[in-house]
Amino acid sequence: MLTTLRKAWKRLRGWRRIRFTTGGALFSAGSLAIGSAAVNTGNNLLFLLLGAMLGFIALSGWLSERILLHLEIRRHTPRGVTVEKPIRITYYVTNRKRLFPTLAVYLFEEGLPEPAFISRVGAGESVVVGSENTFVQRGVYPLETLTLSTSFPFGLFTKERDVPLPGELVVWPRSDRRVRPSAPPGARGRPQFSDSSVGTPGARGEYRGLREYRVGDDPRDIHWRTTAKIGRLVTREYEQDATETVRICLDTRGEPGEAAEAAIEVAAALAAQAYRVGRPFGMTTCTSDLSPGGGSGQMERVLDLLARVDFDPSAPPLEPPTDPLRCVLVSLSGAQRGSYGAYIDPAASLGAGAPSYVHAGLSEAGGRVVDGSTVDGSAVDRRAG
């Protein structure tokens, strides 16, 4: 019963809400004072003034109601946006009224501090408006309801109306941390990340076949003859050399917090580095796995996965789908670090005066290579950039 009442109240409240502005409260109080004086004195002039003021209020309510009616709104959000960078949300507004224009309407979204503003859209016309916001935390932000608000025409009242408009906003983690994992000389099969390990531009593996084009694929691989025959983009697919693939393993067994966010940013930086040098890369966490790929489309898929990642101490163990020696482990605890080709402790990059570089690599003996020499333990070499 209580749930039903709450839903009914939400629908009723979403239909219309009216709030007094400061000017409207003073005007209404003045109307009451004039009405009281007119009744007590019987002065016809006061009754005439009271009628004018009440008519003014009624006209304000009627016009503001017409302003908010018959608006069709579509929201467009970017595929994703990096944390701490401005994002523009665009609204396509169509006025379906036959005679009345829509004037001075704000568009508010819950959780977004900056609204969009419609100055004017004529009857039967469309406009495009937008708002810019900045997020300081990565994640997925649900967008459920758009609130239309106006104080047109006289600023006496603010009238609001809720419009259901489901959607979501994906905020990606930073991927600009300078991270330089490496493997020691002679560690065959271990992941290599230096620019010198990149093959010549355009180098390919063995031809596998054709598949449908995906965003981020190299346009040079489009098979135009097949594309023209079936009417949609088709691209050539090549075998990927396993020794050239960067497999990033993010251990999400841990408490959420600053260190966890640093781990996510380190994983994103590794993917960005592989993307820049043209290497195929994949991402594995305790609860999800993304097959290796390349190009901007793969980078977006990795960032989207990292935007949705949650750290949980009770998460299942990390199980990479390939030999761990060919993987880079990003972990807060360092569990099983000796089994991986490279290991990074993101917590070492936190704190005051944190270095620009996080550098780690494993030797054949299980120690860590720091500037070409092997040492015991798993601490991460930290150097000022």
Protein backbone atom coordinates (compact mmCIF):
# COMPACT_ATOMS: atom_id res chain seq x y z
CA MET A 1 0.00 0.00 0.00
CA LEU A 2 2.79 2.39 0.94
CA THR A 3 4.66 1.64 -2.29
CA THR A 4 1.51 2.32 -4.32
CA LEU A 5 1.00 5.66 -2.57
CA ARG A 6 4.61 6.63 -3.21
CA LYS A 7 4.30 5.83 -6.90
CA ALA A 8 1.04 7.77 -7.14
CA TRP A 9 2.61 10.76 -5.38
CA LYS A 10 5.62 10.63 -7.69
CA ARG A 11 3.39 10.64 -10.77
CA LEU A 12 1.28 13.47 -9.38
CA ARG A 13 4.34 15.48 -8.41
CA GLY A 14 5.99 14.84 -11.78
CA TRP A 15 2.91 16.09 -13.62
CA ARG A 16 3.17 19.67 -12.31
CA ARG A 17 4.95 21.53 -9.53
CA ILE A 18 4.52 25.21 -8.73
CA ARG A 19 6.82 27.26 -6.52
CA PHE A 20 6.65 30.90 -5.56
CA THR A 21 9.48 33.16 -6.62
CA THR A 22 10.39 36.02 -4.29
CA GLY A 23 8.52 38.45 -6.50
CA GLY A 24 5.56 36.09 -6.75
CA ALA A 25 5.34 35.69 -2.97
CA LEU A 26 5.36 39.48 -2.49
CA PHE A 27 2.79 39.95 -5.26
CA SER A 28 0.47 37.30 -3.76
CA ALA A 29 0.82 38.78 -0.29
CA GLY A 30 -0.03 42.18 -1.76
CA SER A 31 -3.10 40.70 -3.44
CA LEU A 32 -4.30 39.30 -0.11
CA ALA A 33 -3.73 42.66 1.57
CA ILE A 34 -5.64 44.49 -1.18
CA GLY A 35 -8.49 41.94 -0.95
CA SER A 36 -8.72 42.32 2.82
CA ALA A 37 -8.78 46.09 2.53
CA ALA A 38 -11.45 45.95 -0.22
CA VAL A 39 -13.74 43.73 1.87
CA ASN A 40 -13.32 45.87 5.00
CA THR A 41 -13.80 49.24 3.30
CA GLY A 42 -16.09 48.34 0.40
CA ASN A 43 -14.00 50.61 -1.84
CA ASN A 44 -14.78 49.86 -5.50
CA LEU A 45 -11.33 50.99 -6.62
CA LEU A 46 -9.70 48.39 -4.35
CA PHE A 47 -12.00 45.70 -5.74
CA LEU A 48 -10.99 46.75 -9.25
CA LEU A 49 -7.30 46.56 -8.30
CA LEU A 50 -7.81 43.16 -6.66
CA GLY A 51 -9.50 41.84 -9.80
CA ALA A 52 -6.62 43.06 -11.94
CA MET A 53 -4.05 41.40 -9.68
CA LEU A 54 -5.93 38.09 -9.59
CA GLY A 55 -6.30 38.21 -13.36
CA PHE A 56 -2.55 38.81 -13.60
CA ILE A 57 -1.90 35.67 -11.54
CA ALA A 58 -4.38 33.59 -13.59
CA LEU A 59 -2.82 34.77 -16.86
CA SER A 60 0.64 33.88 -15.58
CA GLY A 61 -0.50 30.34 -14.71
CA TRP A 62 -2.24 29.81 -18.05
CA LEU A 63 0.67 31.04 -20.16
CA SER A 64 3.27 29.02 -18.25
CA GLU A 65 1.09 25.93 -18.70
CA ARG A 66 0.94 26.47 -22.45
CA ILE A 67 4.72 26.90 -22.55
CA LEU A 68 5.38 23.41 -21.13
CA LEU A 69 2.82 21.52 -23.21
CA HIS A 70 3.46 19.47 -26.38
CA LEU A 71 7.25 19.49 -26.35
CA GLU A 72 9.10 16.55 -27.87
CA ILE A 73 12.64 16.18 -26.49
CA ARG A 74 15.44 13.80 -27.44
CA ARG A 75 18.71 13.61 -25.53
CA HIS A 76 22.08 12.84 -27.09
CA THR A 77 25.06 11.94 -24.91
CA PRO A 78 28.60 11.11 -26.05
CA ARG A 79 29.74 7.50 -26.24
CA GLY A 80 31.81 8.24 -23.16
CA VAL A 81 33.78 11.03 -21.55
CA THR A 82 36.96 11.05 -19.49
CA VAL A 83 36.73 12.02 -15.86
CA GLU A 84 37.50 15.69 -15.09
CA LYS A 85 36.91 16.71 -18.71
CA PRO A 86 33.84 18.74 -19.74
CA ILE A 87 31.03 16.84 -21.40
CA ARG A 88 28.31 18.39 -23.55
CA ILE A 89 24.83 16.87 -23.41
CA THR A 90 22.68 17.87 -26.38
CA TYR A 91 18.88 18.11 -26.47
CA TYR A 92 16.81 18.17 -29.65
CA VAL A 93 13.59 20.03 -28.82
CA THR A 94 10.54 20.13 -31.11
CA ASN A 95 7.51 22.28 -30.35
CA ARG A 96 4.39 20.37 -31.45
CA LYS A 97 2.00 23.21 -30.63
CA ARG A 98 0.17 24.71 -33.61
CA LEU A 99 0.05 28.34 -32.46
CA PHE A 100 2.03 29.04 -29.29
CA PRO A 101 5.81 29.31 -29.12
CA THR A 102 7.80 28.00 -26.18
CA LEU A 103 9.89 30.60 -24.38
CA ALA A 104 12.42 30.67 -21.50
CA VAL A 105 12.47 27.01 -20.43
CA TYR A 106 15.28 25.38 -18.43
CA LEU A 107 16.06 21.66 -18.78
CA PHE A 108 17.34 20.08 -15.56
CA GLU A 109 18.70 16.57 -15.02
CA GLU A 110 19.07 15.06 -11.56
CA GLY A 111 22.77 14.82 -10.70
CA LEU A 112 23.84 17.39 -13.31
CA PRO A 113 24.56 20.84 -11.88
CA GLU A 114 24.32 22.77 -15.15
CA PRO A 115 20.95 23.01 -16.99
CA ALA A 116 20.25 23.63 -20.67
CA PHE A 117 18.21 26.67 -21.66
CA ILE A 118 15.63 27.12 -24.42
CA SER A 119 15.28 30.79 -25.23
CA ARG A 120 12.62 30.35 -27.92
CA VAL A 121 11.23 27.66 -30.20
CA GLY A 122 8.36 28.63 -32.46
CA ALA A 123 5.23 26.60 -33.12
CA GLY A 124 6.14 23.59 -35.26
CA GLU A 125 9.86 24.40 -35.07
CA SER A 126 12.88 22.61 -33.62
CA VAL A 127 15.99 23.81 -31.83
CA VAL A 128 19.16 22.22 -30.45
CA VAL A 129 20.36 23.22 -26.98
CA GLY A 130 22.93 21.76 -24.63
CA SER A 131 24.62 21.88 -21.25
CA GLU A 132 28.23 21.33 -20.18
CA ASN A 133 29.11 19.42 -17.04
CA THR A 134 32.26 17.95 -15.53
CA PHE A 135 32.50 14.73 -13.51
CA VAL A 136 35.19 14.07 -10.93
CA GLN A 137 34.42 10.35 -10.48
CA ARG A 138 34.36 7.64 -13.15
CA GLY A 139 31.35 5.36 -13.37
CA VAL A 140 27.95 4.96 -14.99
CA TYR A 141 25.44 7.70 -14.18
CA PRO A 142 21.79 6.82 -14.87
CA LEU A 143 19.66 9.52 -16.48
CA GLU A 144 15.98 8.88 -15.87
CA THR A 145 13.93 12.07 -15.75
CA LEU A 146 14.24 15.43 -17.47
CA THR A 147 12.66 18.36 -15.62
CA LEU A 148 11.23 21.28 -17.61
CA SER A 149 11.13 24.51 -15.61
CA THR A 150 9.89 28.00 -16.49
CA SER A 151 8.92 31.22 -14.72
CA PHE A 152 7.50 32.75 -17.91
CA PRO A 153 5.86 35.22 -18.39
CA PHE A 154 6.05 37.47 -15.31
CA GLY A 155 8.40 35.61 -12.98
CA LEU A 156 5.75 35.22 -10.27
CA PHE A 157 5.91 31.42 -10.09
CA THR A 158 8.23 28.65 -11.22
CA LYS A 159 6.31 25.83 -12.86
CA GLU A 160 7.97 22.45 -13.38
CA ARG A 161 7.08 19.30 -15.26
CA ASP A 162 8.92 15.95 -15.33
CA VAL A 163 9.43 14.08 -18.59
CA PRO A 164 10.61 10.42 -18.45
CA LEU A 165 13.75 10.18 -20.57
CA PRO A 166 15.77 7.06 -19.63
CA GLY A 167 19.43 6.83 -20.51
CA GLU A 168 22.90 6.68 -19.02
CA LEU A 169 26.15 8.60 -19.05
CA VAL A 170 29.42 6.64 -19.02
CA VAL A 171 32.36 8.46 -17.46
CA TRP A 172 35.69 6.81 -18.29
CA PRO A 173 38.73 6.74 -16.00
CA ARG A 174 41.82 8.75 -16.80
CA SER A 175 44.22 7.02 -19.17
CA ASP A 176 47.07 9.55 -19.11
CA ARG A 177 49.11 8.17 -16.21
CA ARG A 178 52.68 7.63 -17.35
CA VAL A 179 53.21 3.93 -16.73
CA ARG A 180 56.21 2.03 -18.04
CA PRO A 181 56.19 -1.70 -17.34
CA SER A 182 59.04 -3.68 -18.91
CA ALA A 183 60.51 -7.15 -18.95
CA PRO A 184 64.16 -8.01 -18.34
CA PRO A 185 66.49 -8.93 -21.20
CA GLY A 186 66.12 -12.54 -22.19
CA ALA A 187 62.63 -12.99 -20.70
CA ARG A 188 61.07 -14.55 -23.75
CA GLY A 189 57.31 -14.54 -23.92
CA ARG A 190 57.07 -11.77 -21.35
CA PRO A 191 55.13 -8.67 -22.32
CA GLN A 192 57.15 -5.94 -24.00
CA PHE A 193 55.90 -2.37 -24.03
CA SER A 194 58.64 -0.18 -25.45
CA ASP A 195 58.04 1.63 -28.70
CA SER A 196 60.95 -0.25 -30.25
CA SER A 197 58.98 -3.50 -30.00
CA VAL A 198 56.35 -2.24 -32.40
CA GLY A 199 56.35 -3.82 -35.83
CA THR A 200 56.52 -1.85 -39.03
CA PRO A 201 53.36 0.09 -39.91
CA GLY A 202 50.84 -2.04 -41.71
CA ALA A 203 52.37 -5.34 -40.58
CA ARG A 204 49.75 -8.12 -40.55
CA GLY A 205 49.39 -11.66 -39.35
CA GLU A 206 47.99 -14.44 -41.51
CA TYR A 207 44.73 -13.71 -43.30
CA ARG A 208 41.76 -15.29 -41.48
CA GLY A 209 38.67 -14.20 -43.42
CA LEU A 210 35.99 -11.52 -43.67
CA ARG A 211 33.73 -10.13 -41.00
CA GLU A 212 31.40 -7.18 -40.49
CA TYR A 213 33.12 -3.85 -39.89
CA ARG A 214 33.27 -2.57 -36.29
CA VAL A 215 33.94 0.94 -35.10
CA GLY A 216 37.69 1.42 -34.72
CA ASP A 217 38.74 -1.05 -37.45
CA ASP A 218 41.40 0.08 -39.89
CA PRO A 219 39.62 1.53 -42.98
CA ARG A 220 42.42 0.11 -45.13
CA ASP A 221 41.14 -3.39 -44.34
CA ILE A 222 37.66 -2.79 -45.78
CA HIS A 223 36.87 -5.28 -48.55
CA TRP A 224 35.10 -2.98 -50.97
CA ARG A 225 33.96 -5.63 -53.44
CA THR A 226 32.06 -7.61 -50.78
CA THR A 227 30.83 -4.37 -49.20
CA ALA A 228 29.28 -3.28 -52.51
CA LYS A 229 27.72 -6.72 -53.01
CA ILE A 230 25.92 -7.04 -49.64
CA GLY A 231 25.33 -3.35 -48.92
CA ARG A 232 27.19 -3.05 -45.58
CA LEU A 233 30.81 -2.60 -44.58
CA VAL A 234 32.92 -5.76 -44.46
CA THR A 235 36.56 -5.87 -43.38
CA ARG A 236 39.42 -8.35 -43.65
CA GLU A 237 40.41 -10.12 -40.44
CA TYR A 238 43.96 -11.26 -39.66
CA GLU A 239 45.43 -13.63 -37.11
CA GLN A 240 47.02 -11.83 -34.18
CA ASP A 241 50.50 -12.78 -33.05
CA ALA A 242 50.15 -13.85 -29.41
CA THR A 243 53.62 -12.48 -28.59
CA GLU A 244 52.50 -9.04 -29.77
CA THR A 245 49.26 -8.97 -27.78
CA VAL A 246 49.12 -7.04 -24.52
CA ARG A 247 46.85 -8.75 -21.99
CA ILE A 248 46.13 -6.53 -18.97
CA CYS A 249 44.84 -8.30 -15.85
CA LEU A 250 43.22 -6.08 -13.23
CA ASP A 251 42.74 -7.72 -9.85
CA THR A 252 39.58 -6.18 -8.38
CA ARG A 253 39.77 -8.02 -5.04
CA GLY A 254 40.10 -5.11 -2.67
CA GLU A 255 38.33 -2.30 -0.91
CA PRO A 256 36.98 0.59 -3.02
CA GLY A 257 38.85 3.83 -2.54
CA GLU A 258 41.71 5.95 -3.80
CA ALA A 259 44.07 3.01 -4.33
CA ALA A 260 41.40 1.11 -6.27
CA GLU A 261 40.81 4.12 -8.53
CA ALA A 262 44.57 4.38 -9.08
CA ALA A 263 44.64 0.72 -10.16
CA ILE A 264 41.87 1.34 -12.67
CA GLU A 265 43.70 4.38 -14.07
CA VAL A 266 46.93 2.38 -14.39
CA ALA A 267 45.09 -0.34 -16.32
CA ALA A 268 43.57 2.30 -18.60
CA ALA A 269 47.01 3.86 -19.15
CA LEU A 270 48.47 0.49 -20.16
CA ALA A 271 45.68 0.03 -22.70
CA ALA A 272 46.21 3.55 -24.03
CA GLN A 273 49.92 2.91 -24.43
CA ALA A 274 49.29 -0.29 -26.39
CA TYR A 275 46.74 1.56 -28.53
CA ARG A 276 49.20 4.37 -29.33
CA VAL A 277 51.92 1.99 -30.51
CA GLY A 278 49.51 -0.11 -32.56
CA ARG A 279 49.53 -3.30 -30.47
CA PRO A 280 46.42 -5.48 -29.96
CA PHE A 281 45.36 -5.49 -26.32
CA GLY A 282 42.76 -7.10 -24.10
CA MET A 283 41.48 -6.64 -20.54
CA THR A 284 40.65 -9.21 -17.87
CA THR A 285 39.17 -8.50 -14.44
CA CYS A 286 37.87 -10.81 -11.73
CA THR A 287 34.35 -10.66 -13.18
CA SER A 288 34.75 -9.86 -16.88
CA ASP A 289 36.97 -10.47 -19.88
CA LEU A 290 37.47 -8.52 -23.10
CA SER A 291 39.12 -10.33 -26.00
CA PRO A 292 42.18 -8.69 -27.58
CA GLY A 293 41.63 -6.21 -30.36
CA GLY A 294 43.00 -2.98 -31.72
CA GLY A 295 42.02 0.48 -32.80
CA SER A 296 39.93 3.20 -31.23
CA GLY A 297 36.91 0.92 -30.95
CA GLN A 298 38.82 -1.50 -28.73
CA MET A 299 40.10 1.39 -26.62
CA GLU A 300 36.53 2.57 -26.07
CA ARG A 301 35.45 -0.94 -25.09
CA VAL A 302 38.26 -1.15 -22.52
CA LEU A 303 37.40 2.24 -21.04
CA ASP A 304 33.73 1.30 -20.93
CA LEU A 305 34.58 -1.89 -19.06
CA LEU A 306 36.77 0.02 -16.59
CA ALA A 307 34.04 2.62 -16.05
CA ARG A 308 31.77 -0.19 -14.82
CA VAL A 309 34.31 -2.07 -12.69
CA ASP A 310 33.67 -2.39 -8.95
CA PHE A 311 36.25 -3.44 -6.37
CA ASP A 312 35.03 -6.08 -3.94
CA PRO A 313 37.08 -8.06 -1.38
CA SER A 314 34.84 -11.10 -2.01
CA ALA A 315 35.28 -11.06 -5.79
CA PRO A 316 36.32 -14.36 -7.42
CA PRO A 317 40.04 -14.97 -8.12
CA LEU A 318 41.59 -13.52 -11.25
CA GLU A 319 41.79 -16.14 -14.01
CA PRO A 320 43.38 -14.89 -17.25
CA PRO A 321 42.32 -16.83 -20.36
CA THR A 322 45.95 -17.18 -21.50
CA ASP A 323 49.37 -17.91 -20.01
CA PRO A 324 49.89 -15.45 -17.12
CA LEU A 325 53.51 -15.02 -18.22
CA ARG A 326 52.15 -13.13 -21.21
CA CYS A 327 50.04 -10.85 -19.01
CA VAL A 328 50.55 -7.67 -17.01
CA LEU A 329 49.11 -7.84 -13.50
CA VAL A 330 47.73 -4.68 -11.89
CA SER A 331 46.96 -5.54 -8.29
CA LEU A 332 46.73 -3.87 -4.89
CA SER A 333 47.66 -7.03 -3.01
CA GLY A 334 50.23 -8.44 -5.41
CA ALA A 335 48.76 -11.93 -5.03
CA GLN A 336 50.31 -14.41 -7.51
CA ARG A 337 52.55 -11.70 -8.92
CA GLY A 338 55.33 -14.23 -9.46
CA SER A 339 53.19 -16.02 -12.05
CA TYR A 340 52.81 -12.98 -14.31
CA GLY A 341 55.11 -11.52 -16.90
CA ALA A 342 54.95 -8.08 -15.27
CA TYR A 343 53.45 -6.66 -12.12
CA ILE A 344 52.43 -3.17 -11.11
CA ASP A 345 51.48 -2.03 -7.63
CA PRO A 346 49.34 1.09 -8.25
CA ALA A 347 49.40 2.04 -4.56
CA ALA A 348 53.07 2.99 -5.00
CA SER A 349 52.03 5.93 -7.15
CA LEU A 350 49.87 7.52 -4.45
CA GLY A 351 50.74 10.06 -1.80
CA ALA A 352 52.37 13.45 -1.69
CA GLY A 353 55.14 13.96 -4.20
CA ALA A 354 54.20 10.79 -6.08
CA PRO A 355 56.50 10.08 -9.03
CA SER A 356 55.48 10.39 -12.63
CA TYR A 357 56.52 6.84 -13.48
CA VAL A 358 55.42 3.50 -12.12
CA HIS A 359 57.97 0.97 -13.34
CA ALA A 360 57.91 -2.78 -12.75
CA GLY A 361 59.11 -5.95 -14.40
CA LEU A 362 59.74 -9.52 -13.26
CA SER A 363 62.91 -11.50 -13.75
CA GLU A 364 63.07 -15.22 -14.46
CA ALA A 365 63.91 -15.75 -10.78
CA GLY A 366 60.76 -13.98 -9.66
CA GLY A 367 62.47 -10.80 -8.49
CA ARG A 368 61.83 -7.32 -9.84
CA VAL A 369 63.95 -5.61 -12.44
CA VAL A 370 64.76 -2.00 -11.64
CA ASP A 371 66.81 -0.20 -14.27
CA GLY A 372 68.21 -3.50 -15.52
CA SER A 373 69.08 -5.08 -12.14
CA THR A 374 67.10 -7.72 -10.25
CA VAL A 375 66.06 -7.13 -6.65
CA ASP A 376 63.93 -9.08 -4.20
CA GLY A 377 60.40 -8.16 -3.21
CA SER A 378 57.53 -6.67 -5.11
CA ALA A 379 57.78 -2.96 -4.38
CA VAL A 380 57.51 -0.78 -7.43
CA ASP A 381 60.32 1.42 -8.67
CA ARG A 382 59.24 5.07 -8.45
CA ARG A 383 61.01 7.78 -10.35
CA ALA A 384 60.25 11.44 -10.77
CA GLY A 385 59.37 12.23 -14.36
